[in-house]
C-alpha cells in the first residue's frame, strides 16, 4: 500500500455555491460599471482611473483564486484578462461616453497577474481560512 500526499489538495468549501454566486455578481457589477456611460460613483475615491482598474481586477482575481483549486488558477487568470479585454473593446464599439484604452487593459491585466501571484504564493486558500474561522467544522 502506498501513501500519496496531494500537495495541491485543499479542503472542500462548505459554502462554495454562495462564494461562486457572489463572484459572478461581482463580475456582473464589473461589466455594468464598465459599460455605463458615466464613471462609477465611487471612482473619486481612487487617485487614478488606472488604480481603479488595477484594484478591481486584483479583487476579482483574489476572489476567484480563493474559491478555485490551484490547478485552475491559470484559467481564472486567462478568463479575467479576456474579460478586461472584451470590456475595453465593448467600450470602444459602443461609443456611449466611454473610451477603450490600452492602458486600462494593462492595468486590468496587471491586477489579475498580481492577484494570481499572491494566490500562487500561498494566499489562494484564504476562503478556506474564512470558513474555518467563522464556521468551525463539527
Protein backbone atom coordinates (compact mmCIF):
# COMPACT_ATOMS: atom_id res chain seq x y z
CA UNK A 1 0.00 0.00 0.00
CA UNK A 2 1.38 3.41 -0.89
CA UNK A 3 0.63 6.71 0.73
CA UNK A 4 0.24 9.57 -1.69
CA UNK A 5 0.11 13.10 -0.37
CA UNK A 6 -1.53 15.62 -2.64
CA UNK A 7 0.39 18.89 -2.30
CA UNK A 8 -2.23 20.96 -4.08
CA UNK A 9 -5.17 19.40 -2.25
CA UNK A 10 -7.39 21.69 -0.31
CA UNK A 11 -10.43 21.11 1.81
CA UNK A 12 -13.78 21.39 0.07
CA UNK A 13 -15.53 24.68 0.69
CA UNK A 14 -18.69 24.24 2.67
CA UNK A 15 -20.50 27.20 1.08
CA UNK A 16 -18.97 27.14 -2.40
CA UNK A 17 -22.36 27.83 -4.01
CA UNK A 18 -22.54 31.11 -2.07
CA UNK A 19 -18.97 32.14 -2.91
CA UNK A 20 -19.49 31.38 -6.62
CA UNK A 21 -22.77 33.32 -6.64
CA UNK A 22 -21.08 36.35 -5.07
CA UNK A 23 -18.19 36.03 -7.52
CA UNK A 24 -20.47 36.06 -10.55
CA UNK A 25 -22.35 39.03 -9.09
CA UNK A 26 -19.01 40.83 -8.81
CA UNK A 27 -18.32 40.05 -12.47
CA UNK A 28 -21.79 41.34 -13.45
CA UNK A 29 -21.22 44.55 -11.46
CA UNK A 30 -17.82 44.99 -13.09
CA UNK A 31 -19.34 44.65 -16.56
CA UNK A 32 -22.21 47.00 -15.70
CA UNK A 33 -19.99 49.68 -14.15
CA UNK A 34 -17.51 49.42 -17.02
CA UNK A 35 -20.13 49.88 -19.73
CA UNK A 36 -22.23 52.63 -18.13
CA UNK A 37 -21.85 55.96 -19.94
CA UNK A 38 -20.72 57.70 -16.74
CA UNK A 39 -17.85 56.72 -14.47
CA UNK A 40 -18.80 54.69 -11.37
CA UNK A 41 -19.93 56.80 -8.40
CA UNK A 42 -17.05 55.59 -6.24
CA UNK A 43 -14.34 56.40 -8.84
CA UNK A 44 -13.44 59.61 -7.00
CA UNK A 45 -12.11 57.51 -4.10
CA UNK A 46 -9.17 56.37 -6.24
CA UNK A 47 -6.26 58.64 -7.18
CA UNK A 48 -6.33 57.47 -10.79
CA UNK A 49 -8.53 55.60 -13.22
CA UNK A 50 -5.72 53.06 -13.63
CA UNK A 51 -5.60 52.39 -9.88
CA UNK A 52 -9.34 51.68 -10.01
CA UNK A 53 -8.82 49.23 -12.89
CA UNK A 54 -5.90 47.52 -11.12
CA UNK A 55 -7.81 47.28 -7.82
CA UNK A 56 -10.97 45.89 -9.38
CA UNK A 57 -9.24 43.12 -11.29
CA UNK A 58 -6.91 42.37 -8.38
CA UNK A 59 -10.03 41.90 -6.24
CA UNK A 60 -11.65 39.63 -8.84
CA UNK A 61 -8.51 37.52 -9.16
CA UNK A 62 -8.17 37.28 -5.40
CA UNK A 63 -11.83 36.32 -5.02
CA UNK A 64 -11.82 33.61 -7.67
CA UNK A 65 -8.50 32.10 -6.63
CA UNK A 66 -9.90 31.89 -3.11
CA UNK A 67 -12.70 29.61 -4.29
CA UNK A 68 -10.90 27.74 -7.06
CA UNK A 69 -8.45 24.86 -6.91
CA UNK A 70 -4.82 25.82 -7.51
CA UNK A 71 -4.65 23.82 -10.74
CA UNK A 72 -7.31 26.16 -12.20
CA UNK A 73 -5.64 29.47 -11.34
CA UNK A 74 -4.33 29.86 -14.89
CA UNK A 75 -7.87 29.52 -16.24
CA UNK A 76 -9.06 32.16 -13.77
CA UNK A 77 -6.29 34.49 -14.92
CA UNK A 78 -6.95 33.96 -18.62
CA UNK A 79 -10.68 34.42 -18.13
CA UNK A 80 -10.30 37.67 -16.21
CA UNK A 81 -7.78 39.09 -18.68
CA UNK A 82 -10.15 38.17 -21.53
CA UNK A 83 -13.00 39.87 -19.64
CA UNK A 84 -10.94 43.05 -19.30
CA UNK A 85 -10.09 42.99 -23.00
CA UNK A 86 -13.67 42.33 -24.05
CA UNK A 87 -14.91 45.22 -21.91
CA UNK A 88 -12.36 47.60 -23.40
CA UNK A 89 -13.39 46.55 -26.92
CA UNK A 90 -17.07 46.98 -26.00
CA UNK A 91 -16.38 50.47 -24.63
CA UNK A 92 -14.78 51.45 -27.94
CA UNK A 93 -17.57 49.96 -30.05
CA UNK A 94 -20.48 51.33 -28.01
CA UNK A 95 -19.37 54.97 -28.12
CA UNK A 96 -21.59 55.96 -25.18
CA UNK A 97 -19.17 58.29 -23.44
CA UNK A 98 -16.58 55.65 -22.53
CA UNK A 99 -13.38 55.06 -24.46
CA UNK A 100 -11.31 51.95 -24.99
CA UNK A 101 -7.81 52.43 -23.57
CA UNK A 102 -4.90 50.03 -23.81
CA UNK A 103 -3.56 51.37 -20.50
CA UNK A 104 -6.83 50.33 -18.82
CA UNK A 105 -6.39 46.84 -20.24
CA UNK A 106 -2.80 46.83 -19.00
CA UNK A 107 -3.91 47.91 -15.50
CA UNK A 108 -6.60 45.18 -15.50
CA UNK A 109 -4.07 42.55 -16.57
CA UNK A 110 -1.52 43.70 -14.01
CA UNK A 111 -4.16 43.47 -11.26
CA UNK A 112 -5.00 39.92 -12.33
CA UNK A 113 -1.31 38.97 -12.50
CA UNK A 114 -0.50 40.32 -9.04
CA UNK A 115 -3.62 38.64 -7.62
CA UNK A 116 -2.55 35.33 -9.14
CA UNK A 117 0.97 35.85 -7.82
CA UNK A 118 -0.35 36.17 -4.27
CA UNK A 119 -2.51 33.08 -4.77
CA UNK A 120 0.40 31.01 -6.07
CA UNK A 121 2.49 32.28 -3.14
CA UNK A 122 0.07 30.55 -0.76
CA UNK A 123 -2.72 33.05 -0.16
CA UNK A 124 -5.10 31.34 -2.57
CA UNK A 125 -6.64 29.36 0.26
CA UNK A 126 -7.98 32.45 2.01
CA UNK A 127 -11.61 31.38 1.63
CA UNK A 128 -10.86 28.06 3.35
CA UNK A 129 -9.40 30.06 6.25
CA UNK A 130 -12.51 32.27 6.36
CA UNK A 131 -14.81 29.26 6.50
CA UNK A 132 -12.70 27.67 9.23
CA UNK A 133 -12.75 30.89 11.23
CA UNK A 134 -16.49 31.50 11.05
CA UNK A 135 -17.93 28.03 10.57
CA UNK A 136 -15.99 25.56 12.67
CA UNK A 137 -16.33 22.05 11.37
CA UNK A 138 -18.08 19.72 13.81
